[in-house]
């Protein structure tokens, strides 16, 4: 049984997805790698404006600006041409923001930051918040 588990793990490591994630991780700083491993995202700094961005696991709509309070704000959707898989898309987004931020954002579609529903009277969390009408705190 242990040999079967080991074989499956070795086979999975040779998949396109695993190779793409390994390549992505090889481009991440140690801090980014820890964030990505633990939380499924990493932060980058744009080369032109110095703004911080969070790149989450995904292939579209997975990039958000981070405001001065550390909350997610405006989202950005931009992907490389070619139908690439998750790790490769995230690596392309990282490189684009760190080397050609203004150009990348000039072709990206923007969308409002995440909405986190909360109870009336509770403290806002990460991102924009909306209160549920008629809900008491």
Protein backbone atom coordinates (compact mmCIF):
# COMPACT_ATOMS: atom_id res chain seq x y z
CA UNK A 1 0.00 0.00 0.00
CA UNK A 2 2.84 2.42 0.85
CA UNK A 3 4.50 1.68 -2.48
CA UNK A 4 1.25 2.49 -4.31
CA UNK A 5 0.98 5.82 -2.49
CA UNK A 6 4.61 6.61 -3.29
CA UNK A 7 4.08 5.69 -6.96
CA UNK A 8 0.98 7.91 -7.24
CA UNK A 9 2.82 10.82 -5.60
CA UNK A 10 5.77 10.42 -8.01
CA UNK A 11 3.41 10.21 -10.98
CA UNK A 12 1.57 13.37 -9.89
CA UNK A 13 4.86 15.25 -9.64
CA UNK A 14 5.38 14.71 -13.37
CA UNK A 15 2.08 16.30 -14.40
CA UNK A 16 1.98 19.56 -16.31
CA UNK A 17 0.30 21.23 -13.33
CA UNK A 18 3.02 20.09 -10.91
CA UNK A 19 5.79 21.26 -13.24
CA UNK A 20 4.11 24.65 -13.68
CA UNK A 21 3.78 25.10 -9.91
CA UNK A 22 7.42 24.11 -9.39
CA UNK A 23 8.48 26.67 -12.01
CA UNK A 24 6.35 29.34 -10.34
CA UNK A 25 7.82 28.55 -6.93
CA UNK A 26 11.36 28.75 -8.34
CA UNK A 27 10.62 32.39 -9.30
CA UNK A 28 9.14 33.34 -5.92
CA UNK A 29 11.16 34.93 -3.14
CA UNK A 30 11.41 32.90 0.06
CA UNK A 31 8.69 35.07 1.66
CA UNK A 32 6.41 34.74 -1.38
CA UNK A 33 6.95 30.97 -1.40
CA UNK A 34 5.92 30.70 2.26
CA UNK A 35 2.81 32.83 1.62
CA UNK A 36 1.86 30.77 -1.41
CA UNK A 37 2.39 27.44 0.33
CA UNK A 38 0.48 28.43 3.46
CA UNK A 39 -2.23 30.72 2.09
CA UNK A 40 -2.55 30.06 -1.66
CA UNK A 41 -1.45 33.55 -2.67
CA UNK A 42 1.59 35.80 -2.77
CA UNK A 43 2.12 39.55 -2.94
CA UNK A 44 4.16 41.49 -5.49
CA UNK A 45 5.14 45.15 -5.87
CA UNK A 46 4.47 46.92 -9.15
CA UNK A 47 7.57 48.32 -10.81
CA UNK A 48 6.01 51.61 -11.97
CA UNK A 49 3.80 52.72 -9.07
CA UNK A 50 5.12 50.74 -6.12
CA UNK A 51 1.58 49.48 -5.43
CA UNK A 52 1.20 46.08 -3.84
CA UNK A 53 -0.81 43.36 -5.55
CA UNK A 54 -2.01 39.98 -4.34
CA UNK A 55 -1.97 37.10 -6.83
CA UNK A 56 -4.20 34.25 -5.71
CA UNK A 57 -4.35 30.74 -7.15
CA UNK A 58 -6.31 30.89 -10.37
CA UNK A 59 -6.18 31.77 -14.03
CA UNK A 60 -8.35 34.88 -14.28
CA UNK A 61 -9.70 37.56 -11.97
CA UNK A 62 -7.13 36.47 -9.39
CA UNK A 63 -5.14 39.71 -8.97
CA UNK A 64 -6.12 42.47 -6.53
CA UNK A 65 -4.47 45.69 -5.45
CA UNK A 66 -3.79 45.92 -1.73
CA UNK A 67 -4.65 49.28 -0.17
CA UNK A 68 -2.61 51.15 2.44
CA UNK A 69 -4.47 49.27 5.21
CA UNK A 70 -3.62 45.85 3.79
CA UNK A 71 -7.14 45.23 2.43
CA UNK A 72 -7.90 43.93 -1.04
CA UNK A 73 -9.21 46.60 -3.36
CA UNK A 74 -9.51 46.86 -7.16
CA UNK A 75 -9.28 43.56 -8.96
CA UNK A 76 -7.50 43.05 -12.26
CA UNK A 77 -8.04 40.41 -14.90
CA UNK A 78 -5.23 39.83 -17.37
CA UNK A 79 -3.89 36.56 -18.71
CA UNK A 80 -1.27 35.59 -21.26
CA UNK A 81 -2.35 34.35 -24.65
CA UNK A 82 -2.28 30.60 -25.15
CA UNK A 83 -4.57 28.94 -22.65
CA UNK A 84 -1.85 28.31 -20.08
CA UNK A 85 -2.41 26.46 -16.82
CA UNK A 86 -2.63 28.01 -13.37
CA UNK A 87 1.04 28.08 -12.35
CA UNK A 88 2.16 29.50 -15.70
CA UNK A 89 -0.56 32.19 -15.68
CA UNK A 90 0.37 33.26 -12.16
CA UNK A 91 4.06 33.43 -13.09
CA UNK A 92 3.23 35.57 -16.15
CA UNK A 93 1.14 37.90 -13.95
CA UNK A 94 3.98 38.20 -11.43
CA UNK A 95 6.55 39.02 -14.11
CA UNK A 96 4.20 41.48 -15.84
CA UNK A 97 3.52 43.45 -12.65
CA UNK A 98 7.16 43.48 -11.58
CA UNK A 99 8.55 44.50 -14.97
CA UNK A 100 5.77 46.13 -17.05
CA UNK A 101 3.09 47.14 -14.53
CA UNK A 102 1.55 50.06 -16.45
CA UNK A 103 1.50 48.15 -19.72
CA UNK A 104 -0.09 45.07 -18.10
CA UNK A 105 -2.79 47.14 -16.40
CA UNK A 106 -3.48 49.10 -19.59
CA UNK A 107 -4.78 45.91 -21.22
CA UNK A 108 -6.34 44.42 -18.07
CA UNK A 109 -10.00 44.53 -17.15
CA UNK A 110 -10.62 46.02 -13.72
CA UNK A 111 -13.41 45.07 -11.34
CA UNK A 112 -14.44 46.18 -7.84
CA UNK A 113 -12.62 44.60 -4.94
CA UNK A 114 -14.20 41.71 -3.06
CA UNK A 115 -17.38 42.28 -1.11
CA UNK A 116 -17.49 40.68 2.31
CA UNK A 117 -21.00 40.53 3.76
CA UNK A 118 -21.08 41.33 7.43
CA UNK A 119 -23.55 41.76 10.20
CA UNK A 120 -24.56 45.29 11.19
CA UNK A 121 -22.30 46.60 13.91
CA UNK A 122 -19.46 44.19 13.17
CA UNK A 123 -16.03 45.37 12.14
CA UNK A 124 -15.12 45.26 8.40
CA UNK A 125 -12.59 42.65 7.32
CA UNK A 126 -10.42 42.44 4.20
CA UNK A 127 -11.92 44.06 1.10
CA UNK A 128 -15.11 46.07 0.64
CA UNK A 129 -18.06 45.28 2.83
CA UNK A 130 -21.78 45.41 2.37
CA UNK A 131 -24.34 45.20 5.10
CA UNK A 132 -27.30 42.89 4.82
CA UNK A 133 -30.47 45.02 4.86
CA UNK A 134 -32.71 44.37 7.84
CA UNK A 135 -30.18 42.21 9.66
CA UNK A 136 -29.67 43.09 13.31
CA UNK A 137 -26.31 42.99 14.98
